Amino acid sequence: MKSYVAGLATALVIPALAALGGAFAVYAGYDDAPGGVLIGFALIAGAAVLSLGAARRNR
């Protein structure tokens, strides 16, 4: 049961993190904050790294 909960949390958190990063980058672009855009892209890149790590663990 613990692995099911961990897998479900991973499946929900990673896309949410990427969506949050995208929203942050768009909002910062409208607000003309270059540091905010960088943080948004860093969140997206972090979500990509986490998803690759999760995929490697499930092999």
Protein backbone atom coordinates (compact mmCIF):
# COMPACT_ATOMS: atom_id res chain seq x y z
CA MET A 1 0.00 0.00 0.00
CA LYS A 2 2.87 2.36 0.72
CA SER A 3 4.25 2.06 -2.81
CA TYR A 4 0.79 2.77 -4.25
CA VAL A 5 0.50 5.97 -2.24
CA ALA A 6 4.02 7.02 -3.17
CA GLY A 7 3.36 6.33 -6.85
CA LEU A 8 0.11 8.25 -6.74
CA ALA A 9 1.76 11.19 -5.01
CA THR A 10 4.54 11.18 -7.60
CA ALA A 11 2.02 11.01 -10.44
CA LEU A 12 0.15 14.01 -9.06
CA VAL A 13 3.00 16.16 -7.77
CA ILE A 14 5.28 16.15 -10.83
CA PRO A 15 2.69 17.47 -13.34
CA ALA A 16 1.44 19.96 -10.75
CA LEU A 17 4.99 21.22 -10.26
CA ALA A 18 5.46 21.61 -14.02
CA ALA A 19 2.12 23.42 -14.36
CA LEU A 20 3.00 25.72 -11.47
CA GLY A 21 6.32 26.49 -13.12
CA GLY A 22 4.62 27.27 -16.41
CA ALA A 23 2.08 29.53 -14.74
CA PHE A 24 4.84 31.27 -12.81
CA ALA A 25 6.86 31.86 -15.98
CA VAL A 26 3.85 33.27 -17.83
CA TYR A 27 2.86 35.52 -14.93
CA ALA A 28 6.41 36.75 -14.50
CA GLY A 29 6.58 37.45 -18.23
CA TYR A 30 3.54 39.70 -18.00
CA ASP A 31 4.92 41.34 -14.87
CA ASP A 32 8.28 41.86 -16.65
CA ALA A 33 10.29 40.04 -13.99
CA PRO A 34 13.20 38.15 -15.59
CA GLY A 35 14.08 36.41 -12.33
CA GLY A 36 10.54 35.10 -12.06
CA VAL A 37 10.71 33.59 -15.52
CA LEU A 38 13.95 31.88 -14.57
CA ILE A 39 12.35 30.44 -11.43
CA GLY A 40 9.41 29.18 -13.51
CA PHE A 41 11.72 27.45 -15.96
CA ALA A 42 13.71 26.00 -13.07
CA LEU A 43 10.50 24.50 -11.68
CA ILE A 44 9.73 22.97 -15.06
CA ALA A 45 13.26 21.57 -15.35
CA GLY A 46 13.04 20.20 -11.80
CA ALA A 47 9.79 18.45 -12.65
CA ALA A 48 11.44 16.91 -15.71
CA VAL A 49 14.35 15.63 -13.62
CA LEU A 50 11.96 14.20 -11.01
CA SER A 51 9.93 12.45 -13.70
CA LEU A 52 13.05 10.91 -15.22
CA GLY A 53 14.10 9.69 -11.78
CA ALA A 54 10.67 8.19 -11.18
CA ALA A 55 10.78 6.46 -14.56
CA ARG A 56 14.19 4.97 -13.78
CA ARG A 57 12.97 3.69 -10.40
CA ASN A 58 9.99 1.94 -12.01
CA ARG A 59 12.13 -0.01 -14.48
